[in-house]
C-alpha atoms as a PDB file:
ATOM      1  CA  MET A   1      24.758 -99.908   7.371  1.00  0.00           C
ATOM      2  CA  ALA A   2      21.624-101.181   9.214  1.00  0.00           C
ATOM      3  CA  GLN A   3      22.351-104.092  11.557  1.00  0.00           C
ATOM      4  CA  VAL A   4      20.659-107.253  10.308  1.00  0.00           C
ATOM      5  CA  GLU A   5      20.561-110.209  12.651  1.00  0.00           C
ATOM      6  CA  LEU A   6      22.382-113.219  11.351  1.00  0.00           C
ATOM      7  CA  ASN A   7      21.721-116.873  12.215  1.00  0.00           C
ATOM      8  CA  SER A   8      24.668-119.043  12.141  1.00  0.00           C
ATOM      9  CA  ILE A   9      26.205-122.248  13.573  1.00  0.00           C
ATOM     10  CA  GLN A  10      29.784-122.998  14.682  1.00  0.00           C
ATOM     11  CA  LEU A  11      31.235-126.438  14.118  1.00  0.00           C
ATOM     12  CA  GLY A  12      34.508-127.207  15.827  1.00  0.00           C
ATOM     13  CA  ASN A  13      36.639-125.115  18.118  1.00  0.00           C
ATOM     14  CA  ASN A  14      40.106-125.712  16.739  1.00  0.00           C
ATOM     15  CA  GLY A  15      41.878-124.766  13.448  1.00  0.00           C
ATOM     16  CA  HIS A  16      41.766-121.657  11.319  1.00  0.00           C
ATOM     17  CA  PRO A  17      38.370-120.001  11.012  1.00  0.00           C
ATOM     18  CA  LEU A  18      36.536-120.992   7.857  1.00  0.00           C
ATOM     19  CA  VAL A  19      33.262-119.265   6.855  1.00  0.00           C
ATOM     20  CA  MET A  20      30.714-120.949   4.607  1.00  0.00           C
ATOM     21  CA  LEU A  21      28.143-119.012   2.448  1.00  0.00           C
ATOM     22  CA  HIS A  22      25.128-120.717   0.702  1.00  0.00           C
ATOM     23  CA  GLY A  23      23.595-119.993  -2.669  1.00  0.00           C
ATOM     24  CA  TRP A  24      20.387-118.150  -3.532  1.00  0.00           C
ATOM     25  CA  GLY A  25      17.214-119.756  -2.178  1.00  0.00           C
ATOM     26  CA  GLN A  26      19.330-122.066   0.213  1.00  0.00           C
ATOM     27  CA  ASN A  27      20.220-121.790   3.852  1.00  0.00           C
ATOM     28  CA  LEU A  28      23.076-122.951   6.028  1.00  0.00           C
ATOM     29  CA  GLN A  29      21.615-126.471   6.287  1.00  0.00           C
ATOM     30  CA  SER A  30      22.565-127.081   2.651  1.00  0.00           C
ATOM     31  CA  LEU A  31      26.178-126.738   3.575  1.00  0.00           C
ATOM     32  CA  GLN A  32      26.118-128.323   6.961  1.00  0.00           C
ATOM     33  CA  PRO A  33      27.110-131.886   5.860  1.00  0.00           C
ATOM     34  CA  MET A  34      30.232-130.564   4.198  1.00  0.00           C
ATOM     35  CA  GLY A  35      30.796-128.150   7.262  1.00  0.00           C
ATOM     36  CA  GLU A  36      30.832-131.042   9.713  1.00  0.00           C
ATOM     37  CA  LEU A  37      33.494-132.843   7.597  1.00  0.00           C
ATOM     38  CA  LEU A  38      35.480-129.701   7.466  1.00  0.00           C
ATOM     39  CA  ALA A  39      35.203-129.138  11.092  1.00  0.00           C
ATOM     40  CA  THR A  40      37.693-131.868  11.856  1.00  0.00           C
ATOM     41  CA  ARG A  41      40.511-129.502  10.858  1.00  0.00           C
ATOM     42  CA  SER A  42      38.893-125.975  10.945  1.00  0.00           C
ATOM     43  CA  GLN A  43      36.742-123.840  13.102  1.00  0.00           C
ATOM     44  CA  VAL A  44      33.704-123.768  10.745  1.00  0.00           C
ATOM     45  CA  HIS A  45      31.045-121.085  10.712  1.00  0.00           C
ATOM     46  CA  ILE A  46      28.022-121.536   8.431  1.00  0.00           C
ATOM     47  CA  ILE A  47      25.805-118.422   7.920  1.00  0.00           C
ATOM     48  CA  ASP A  48      22.235-117.903   6.903  1.00  0.00           C
ATOM     49  CA  LEU A  49      22.633-114.987   4.542  1.00  0.00           C
ATOM     50  CA  PRO A  50      20.249-112.103   5.279  1.00  0.00           C
ATOM     51  CA  GLY A  51      16.731-112.861   3.909  1.00  0.00           C
ATOM     52  CA  PHE A  52      17.364-116.743   3.980  1.00  0.00           C
ATOM     53  CA  GLY A  53      16.925-119.444   6.686  1.00  0.00           C
ATOM     54  CA  LYS A  54      16.499-117.793  10.051  1.00  0.00           C
ATOM     55  CA  SER A  55      18.366-114.549   9.322  1.00  0.00           C
ATOM     56  CA  ALA A  56      16.453-111.309   9.270  1.00  0.00           C
ATOM     57  CA  PRO A  57      15.834-109.895   5.681  1.00  0.00           C
ATOM     58  CA  PRO A  58      17.800-106.758   4.557  1.00  0.00           C
ATOM     59  CA  PRO A  59      15.983-103.491   5.264  1.00  0.00           C
ATOM     60  CA  GLU A  60      16.160-102.569   1.624  1.00  0.00           C
ATOM     61  CA  ASP A  61      17.303-103.946  -1.628  1.00  0.00           C
ATOM     62  CA  TRP A  62      20.940-105.046  -1.184  1.00  0.00           C
ATOM     63  CA  ASP A  63      23.681-105.720  -3.730  1.00  0.00           C
ATOM     64  CA  THR A  64      26.614-107.984  -3.003  1.00  0.00           C
ATOM     65  CA  ALA A  65      28.601-105.171  -1.513  1.00  0.00           C
ATOM     66  CA  GLN A  66      26.130-104.662   1.382  1.00  0.00           C
ATOM     67  CA  TYR A  67      26.123-108.508   1.841  1.00  0.00           C
ATOM     68  CA  ALA A  68      29.893-108.414   2.038  1.00  0.00           C
ATOM     69  CA  ASP A  69      29.748-105.634   4.577  1.00  0.00           C
ATOM     70  CA  ARG A  70      27.530-107.699   6.805  1.00  0.00           C
ATOM     71  CA  ILE A  71      29.802-110.738   6.681  1.00  0.00           C
ATOM     72  CA  HIS A  72      32.597-108.412   7.574  1.00  0.00           C
ATOM     73  CA  GLN A  73      30.650-107.340  10.593  1.00  0.00           C
ATOM     74  CA  TYR A  74      30.168-110.991  11.419  1.00  0.00           C
ATOM     75  CA  LEU A  75      33.969-111.473  11.439  1.00  0.00           C
ATOM     76  CA  ASP A  76      34.262-108.607  13.835  1.00  0.00           C
ATOM     77  CA  GLU A  77      31.570-109.788  16.038  1.00  0.00           C
ATOM     78  CA  ARG A  78      33.229-113.235  16.289  1.00  0.00           C
ATOM     79  CA  GLY A  79      36.742-111.875  16.633  1.00  0.00           C
ATOM     80  CA  ILE A  80      37.839-113.560  13.478  1.00  0.00           C
ATOM     81  CA  GLU A  81      40.900-111.695  12.123  1.00  0.00           C
ATOM     82  CA  ARG A  82      41.205-113.752   8.914  1.00  0.00           C
ATOM     83  CA  ALA A  83      39.063-116.484   7.564  1.00  0.00           C
ATOM     84  CA  ASP A  84      39.138-119.043   4.745  1.00  0.00           C
ATOM     85  CA  LEU A  85      35.882-118.790   2.728  1.00  0.00           C
ATOM     86  CA  VAL A  86      33.910-121.676   1.253  1.00  0.00           C
ATOM     87  CA  ALA A  87      30.958-120.553  -0.856  1.00  0.00           C
ATOM     88  CA  HIS A  88      28.457-121.847  -3.354  1.00  0.00           C
ATOM     89  CA  SER A  89      26.852-119.893  -6.229  1.00  0.00           C
ATOM     90  CA  VAL A  90      25.585-116.442  -5.044  1.00  0.00           C
ATOM     91  CA  GLY A  91      27.618-117.051  -1.970  1.00  0.00           C
ATOM     92  CA  GLY A  92      30.596-116.921  -4.325  1.00  0.00           C
ATOM     93  CA  ARG A  93      29.627-113.570  -5.497  1.00  0.00           C
ATOM     94  CA  ILE A  94      29.537-112.330  -1.971  1.00  0.00           C
ATOM     95  CA  SER A  95      32.920-113.964  -1.174  1.00  0.00           C
ATOM     96  CA  ILE A  96      34.532-112.242  -4.217  1.00  0.00           C
ATOM     97  CA  ARG A  97      33.144-108.889  -3.172  1.00  0.00           C
ATOM     98  CA  LEU A  98      34.423-109.516   0.510  1.00  0.00           C
ATOM     99  CA  ALA A  99      37.934-110.520  -0.696  1.00  0.00           C
ATOM    100  CA  HIS A 100      38.154-107.470  -2.921  1.00  0.00           C
ATOM    101  CA  LYS A 101      36.863-105.095  -0.395  1.00  0.00           C
ATOM    102  CA  TYR A 102      38.601-106.472   2.737  1.00  0.00           C
ATOM    103  CA  PRO A 103      41.562-108.444   1.389  1.00  0.00           C
ATOM    104  CA  GLU A 104      43.183-108.362   4.872  1.00  0.00           C
ATOM    105  CA  ARG A 105      40.313-110.371   6.322  1.00  0.00           C
ATOM    106  CA  VAL A 106      40.435-113.291   3.822  1.00  0.00           C
ATOM    107  CA  ARG A 107      43.111-115.904   3.688  1.00  0.00           C
ATOM    108  CA  SER A 108      41.683-118.038   0.818  1.00  0.00           C
ATOM    109  CA  MET A 109      38.562-118.735  -1.117  1.00  0.00           C
ATOM    110  CA  THR A 110      36.944-121.931  -2.241  1.00  0.00           C
ATOM    111  CA  LEU A 111      34.220-121.214  -4.751  1.00  0.00           C
ATOM    112  CA  ILE A 112      31.772-123.982  -5.763  1.00  0.00           C
ATOM    113  CA  ASN A 113      30.020-123.360  -8.995  1.00  0.00           C
ATOM    114  CA  ALA A 114      30.206-119.714  -8.339  1.00  0.00           C
ATOM    115  CA  ALA A 115      28.055-117.084  -9.968  1.00  0.00           C
ATOM    116  CA  GLY A 116      29.204-113.595 -10.907  1.00  0.00           C
ATOM    117  CA  LEU A 117      30.093-113.614 -14.561  1.00  0.00           C
ATOM    118  CA  LYS A 118      27.864-112.820 -17.537  1.00  0.00           C
ATOM    119  CA  ARG A 119      26.820-116.103 -19.241  1.00  0.00           C
ATOM    120  CA  GLN A 120      28.145-116.585 -22.708  1.00  0.00           C
ATOM    121  CA  ARG A 121      25.299-116.741 -25.110  1.00  0.00           C
ATOM    122  CA  THR A 122      24.847-117.992 -28.679  1.00  0.00           C
ATOM    123  CA  PHE A 123      23.597-115.613 -31.328  1.00  0.00           C
ATOM    124  CA  GLN A 124      20.161-117.212 -31.160  1.00  0.00           C
ATOM    125  CA  GLN A 125      20.159-116.924 -27.324  1.00  0.00           C
ATOM    126  CA  SER A 126      21.088-113.234 -27.481  1.00  0.00           C
ATOM    127  CA  LEU A 127      18.387-112.490 -30.092  1.00  0.00           C
ATOM    128  CA  ARG A 128      15.801-114.233 -27.817  1.00  0.00           C
ATOM    129  CA  SER A 129      17.004-112.269 -24.783  1.00  0.00           C
ATOM    130  CA  GLN A 130      16.691-108.929 -26.623  1.00  0.00           C
ATOM    131  CA  TRP A 131      13.305-109.913 -27.829  1.00  0.00           C
ATOM    132  CA  ILE A 132      12.070-110.691 -24.300  1.00  0.00           C
ATOM    133  CA  ALA A 133      13.462-107.390 -23.162  1.00  0.00           C
ATOM    134  CA  THR A 134      11.760-105.483 -25.873  1.00  0.00           C
ATOM    135  CA  ILE A 135       8.442-107.075 -25.142  1.00  0.00           C
ATOM    136  CA  ARG A 136       8.780-106.096 -21.430  1.00  0.00           C
ATOM    137  CA  ASN A 137       9.761-102.541 -22.316  1.00  0.00           C
ATOM    138  CA  THR A 138       6.736-102.211 -24.526  1.00  0.00           C
ATOM    139  CA  PHE A 139       4.544-103.399 -21.731  1.00  0.00           C
ATOM    140  CA  LYS A 140       6.023-100.715 -19.476  1.00  0.00           C
ATOM    141  CA  ILE A 141       4.686 -97.988 -21.486  1.00  0.00           C
ATOM    142  CA  SER A 142       1.287 -99.569 -22.397  1.00  0.00           C
ATOM    143  CA  PRO A 143      -1.582 -97.317 -21.583  1.00  0.00           C
ATOM    144  CA  LEU A 144      -3.835-100.375 -20.883  1.00  0.00           C
ATOM    145  CA  TYR A 145      -3.554-103.386 -18.625  1.00  0.00           C
ATOM    146  CA  ARG A 146       0.160-102.432 -17.862  1.00  0.00           C
ATOM    147  CA  ASP A 147       0.319-104.300 -14.445  1.00  0.00           C
ATOM    148  CA  GLU A 148      -1.394-107.322 -15.873  1.00  0.00           C
ATOM    149  CA  LEU A 149       0.861-107.481 -18.874  1.00  0.00           C
ATOM    150  CA  LEU A 150       4.053-107.139 -16.774  1.00  0.00           C
ATOM    151  CA  THR A 151       2.838-109.836 -14.324  1.00  0.00           C
ATOM    152  CA  TRP A 152       2.150-112.213 -17.352  1.00  0.00           C
ATOM    153  CA  HIS A 153       5.614-111.402 -18.756  1.00  0.00           C
ATOM    154  CA  SER A 154       7.349-112.120 -15.389  1.00  0.00           C
ATOM    155  CA  GLN A 155       5.466-115.390 -14.973  1.00  0.00           C
ATOM    156  CA  THR A 156       6.174-116.484 -18.461  1.00  0.00           C
ATOM    157  CA  TYR A 157       9.848-115.461 -18.777  1.00  0.00           C
ATOM    158  CA  GLY A 158      11.206-114.967 -15.199  1.00  0.00           C
ATOM    159  CA  SER A 159      13.563-117.606 -13.832  1.00  0.00           C
ATOM    160  CA  ARG A 160      12.628-119.781 -11.024  1.00  0.00           C
ATOM    161  CA  ASP A 161      14.809-117.926  -8.514  1.00  0.00           C
ATOM    162  CA  TYR A 162      13.164-114.598  -9.579  1.00  0.00           C
ATOM    163  CA  LEU A 163       9.599-116.055  -9.263  1.00  0.00           C
ATOM    164  CA  ASN A 164      10.346-117.423  -5.790  1.00  0.00           C
ATOM    165  CA  ALA A 165      12.212-114.393  -4.549  1.00  0.00           C
ATOM    166  CA  GLY A 166       9.228-112.817  -2.947  1.00  0.00           C
ATOM    167  CA  ALA A 167      10.201-109.663  -0.944  1.00  0.00           C
ATOM    168  CA  LEU A 168      13.870-110.212  -2.220  1.00  0.00           C
ATOM    169  CA  LYS A 169      13.063-109.699  -5.858  1.00  0.00           C
ATOM    170  CA  GLY A 170      14.747-106.240  -5.870  1.00  0.00           C
ATOM    171  CA  THR A 171      17.805-107.722  -4.222  1.00  0.00           C
ATOM    172  CA  PHE A 172      17.755-110.592  -6.644  1.00  0.00           C
ATOM    173  CA  ILE A 173      17.703-108.225  -9.653  1.00  0.00           C
ATOM    174  CA  LYS A 174      20.635-106.207  -8.162  1.00  0.00           C
ATOM    175  CA  VAL A 175      22.752-109.235  -7.388  1.00  0.00           C
ATOM    176  CA  VAL A 176      22.331-111.176 -10.665  1.00  0.00           C
ATOM    177  CA  ASN A 177      23.063-108.145 -12.771  1.00  0.00           C
ATOM    178  CA  GLU A 178      26.481-107.640 -11.219  1.00  0.00           C
ATOM    179  CA  ASP A 179      29.472-108.692 -13.373  1.00  0.00           C
ATOM    180  CA  LEU A 180      32.457-109.315 -11.125  1.00  0.00           C
ATOM    181  CA  THR A 181      35.121-109.639 -13.851  1.00  0.00           C
ATOM    182  CA  GLU A 182      37.094-106.577 -12.894  1.00  0.00           C
ATOM    183  CA  LEU A 183      36.996-107.522  -9.216  1.00  0.00           C
ATOM    184  CA  ALA A 184      38.255-111.046  -9.818  1.00  0.00           C
ATOM    185  CA  GLN A 185      41.100-109.701 -11.820  1.00  0.00           C
ATOM    186  CA  GLN A 186      42.299-107.716  -8.835  1.00  0.00           C
ATOM    187  CA  ILE A 187      42.266-110.561  -6.305  1.00  0.00           C
ATOM    188  CA  SER A 188      45.639-112.258  -5.689  1.00  0.00           C
ATOM    189  CA  LEU A 189      44.771-114.556  -2.721  1.00  0.00           C
ATOM    190  CA  PRO A 190      44.646-118.314  -3.194  1.00  0.00           C
ATOM    191  CA  VAL A 191      41.445-119.454  -4.784  1.00  0.00           C
ATOM    192  CA  LEU A 192      40.166-123.069  -5.368  1.00  0.00           C
ATOM    193  CA  LEU A 193      37.448-123.406  -8.016  1.00  0.00           C
ATOM    194  CA  LEU A 194      35.324-126.537  -7.739  1.00  0.00           C
ATOM    195  CA  TRP A 195      32.960-127.010 -10.664  1.00  0.00           C
ATOM    196  CA  GLY A 196      30.491-129.704 -11.720  1.00  0.00           C
ATOM    197  CA  GLU A 197      30.767-130.267 -15.465  1.00  0.00           C
ATOM    198  CA  ALA A 198      27.078-130.945 -15.752  1.00  0.00           C
ATOM    199  CA  ASP A 199      26.056-127.571 -14.165  1.00  0.00           C
ATOM    200  CA  THR A 200      23.502-125.755 -16.227  1.00  0.00           C
ATOM    201  CA  GLU A 201      22.934-122.800 -13.902  1.00  0.00           C
ATOM    202  CA  THR A 202      26.605-121.566 -13.746  1.00  0.00           C
ATOM    203  CA  PRO A 203      28.194-123.601 -16.585  1.00  0.00           C
ATOM    204  CA  VAL A 204      31.611-125.010 -16.357  1.00  0.00           C
ATOM    205  CA  GLU A 205      32.915-122.398 -18.870  1.00  0.00           C
ATOM    206  CA  MET A 206      32.510-119.895 -15.995  1.00  0.00           C
ATOM    207  CA  GLY A 207      34.862-121.844 -13.914  1.00  0.00           C
ATOM    208  CA  HIS A 208      37.476-121.752 -16.724  1.00  0.00           C
ATOM    209  CA  ARG A 209      36.907-117.905 -17.039  1.00  0.00           C
ATOM    210  CA  TYR A 210      37.351-117.397 -13.337  1.00  0.00           C
ATOM    211  CA  HIS A 211      40.504-119.445 -13.440  1.00  0.00           C
ATOM    212  CA  SER A 212      41.940-117.091 -16.069  1.00  0.00           C
ATOM    213  CA  LEU A 213      40.893-114.015 -14.129  1.00  0.00           C
ATOM    214  CA  PHE A 214      42.207-114.941 -10.675  1.00  0.00           C
ATOM    215  CA  ALA A 215      45.966-114.384 -10.400  1.00  0.00           C
ATOM    216  CA  ASN A 216      46.310-117.527  -8.069  1.00  0.00           C
ATOM    217  CA  SER A 217      43.776-120.063  -8.650  1.00  0.00           C
ATOM    218  CA  GLU A 218      43.266-123.818  -9.254  1.00  0.00           C
ATOM    219  CA  LEU A 219      40.274-125.286 -11.142  1.00  0.00           C
ATOM    220  CA  ILE A 220      39.070-128.702 -10.473  1.00  0.00           C
ATOM    221  CA  THR A 221      36.135-129.885 -12.697  1.00  0.00           C
ATOM    222  CA  ILE A 222      34.163-132.999 -11.802  1.00  0.00           C
ATOM    223  CA  PRO A 223      32.251-135.111 -14.370  1.00  0.00           C
ATOM    224  CA  ASN A 224      28.519-135.766 -14.078  1.00  0.00           C
ATOM    225  CA  ARG A 225      28.177-133.251 -11.171  1.00  0.00           C
ATOM    226  CA  ASP A 226      25.585-130.422 -11.376  1.00  0.00           C
ATOM    227  CA  HIS A 227      25.112-127.060  -9.622  1.00  0.00           C
ATOM    228  CA  PHE A 228      24.680-128.749  -6.262  1.00  0.00           C
ATOM    229  CA  MET A 229      27.556-131.041  -6.372  1.00  0.00           C
ATOM    230  CA  PHE A 230      28.328-130.612  -2.762  1.00  0.00           C
ATOM    231  CA  GLN A 231      25.079-132.417  -1.690  1.00  0.00           C
ATOM    232  CA  ALA A 232      24.798-136.091  -0.400  1.00  0.00           C
ATOM    233  CA  GLU A 233      27.988-138.029  -1.106  1.00  0.00           C
ATOM    234  CA  GLY A 234      29.360-134.866  -2.924  1.00  0.00           C
ATOM    235  CA  ALA A 235      29.932-133.348   0.612  1.00  0.00           C
ATOM    236  CA  HIS A 236      32.782-135.878   1.137  1.00  0.00           C
ATOM    237  CA  LEU A 237      34.263-135.234  -2.339  1.00  0.00           C
ATOM    238  CA  CYS A 238      34.215-131.408  -1.953  1.00  0.00           C
ATOM    239  CA  SER A 239      35.542-131.456   1.573  1.00  0.00           C
ATOM    240  CA  TYR A 240      38.375-133.653   0.361  1.00  0.00           C
ATOM    241  CA  TYR A 241      39.444-131.126  -2.121  1.00  0.00           C
ATOM    242  CA  VAL A 242      39.028-128.252   0.327  1.00  0.00           C
ATOM    243  CA  ASP A 243      41.166-129.971   2.825  1.00  0.00           C
ATOM    244  CA  LYS A 244      43.965-130.629   0.315  1.00  0.00           C
ATOM    245  CA  PHE A 245      43.737-127.048  -0.802  1.00  0.00           C
ATOM    246  CA  LEU A 246      44.045-125.726   2.850  1.00  0.00           C
ATOM    247  CA  ASP A 247      46.893-128.055   3.593  1.00  0.00           C
ATOM    248  CA  ARG A 248      48.916-126.392   0.712  1.00  0.00           C
ATOM    249  CA  LEU A 249      48.595-122.910   2.047  1.00  0.00           C
ATOM    250  CA  PRO A 250      51.902-121.411   3.240  1.00  0.00           C
ATOM    251  CA  VAL A 251      52.690-122.246   6.844  1.00  0.00           C
ATOM    252  CA  LYS A 252      53.335-118.513   7.641  1.00  0.00           C
ATOM    253  CA  GLU A 253      49.633-117.852   6.809  1.00  0.00           C
ATOM    254  CA  LEU A 254      48.562-119.956   9.708  1.00  0.00           C
ATOM    255  CA  SER A 255      50.065-117.633  12.269  1.00  0.00           C
ATOM    256  CA  ARG A 256      48.316-114.529  11.102  1.00  0.00           C
END
């Protein structure tokens, strides 16, 4: 794959390597407060994903497999044999892909409000989604004002992340349409799931589904916390649970 320059920071020099991956539209600064807390016991690496923060964009539309390959390269570049992963939202998608594709390089995962599963919809929501898709497909074959109609459709029905994706729109479409159900079922390493019960972007029901899919997982749901539950004082709350989780890993894992 093409080499893409990554921007990253390292916090702490001691302890087991821990790699943190942010969500869509964010950058490493969003995770830095929590990373600073975790650095008291781990060697923390926080990465700007390609196309975000100060990292170079991917040379083409990437999916999560290509993002995972680039993080795998980062592990090689830093001499990290095996890492703990802490990831938010889309960063969770990439972590799952990395753990599935390179299981020997991942010791554990903490997924915070992770994306990657299809949202469960009511009958009415499914009808509306089908109606929106039908309108777009009709506009695609329109002999008149095709581009204008498609632009109107995107601006009217597109998500905030899609509208703000800019040059990454193709990547966004690839990433959000992936369903990682089968991959999650094949992952046996320890997984901590942290979920805000007030999350409307990746609802807590996704956390429960992930908990049933992973062979070795723990789910902690936190009332009144939304999709960005790790921000502000939430950094202390999340780092507390991550530290407790890492402390419970088998001692023999620490020597690998």
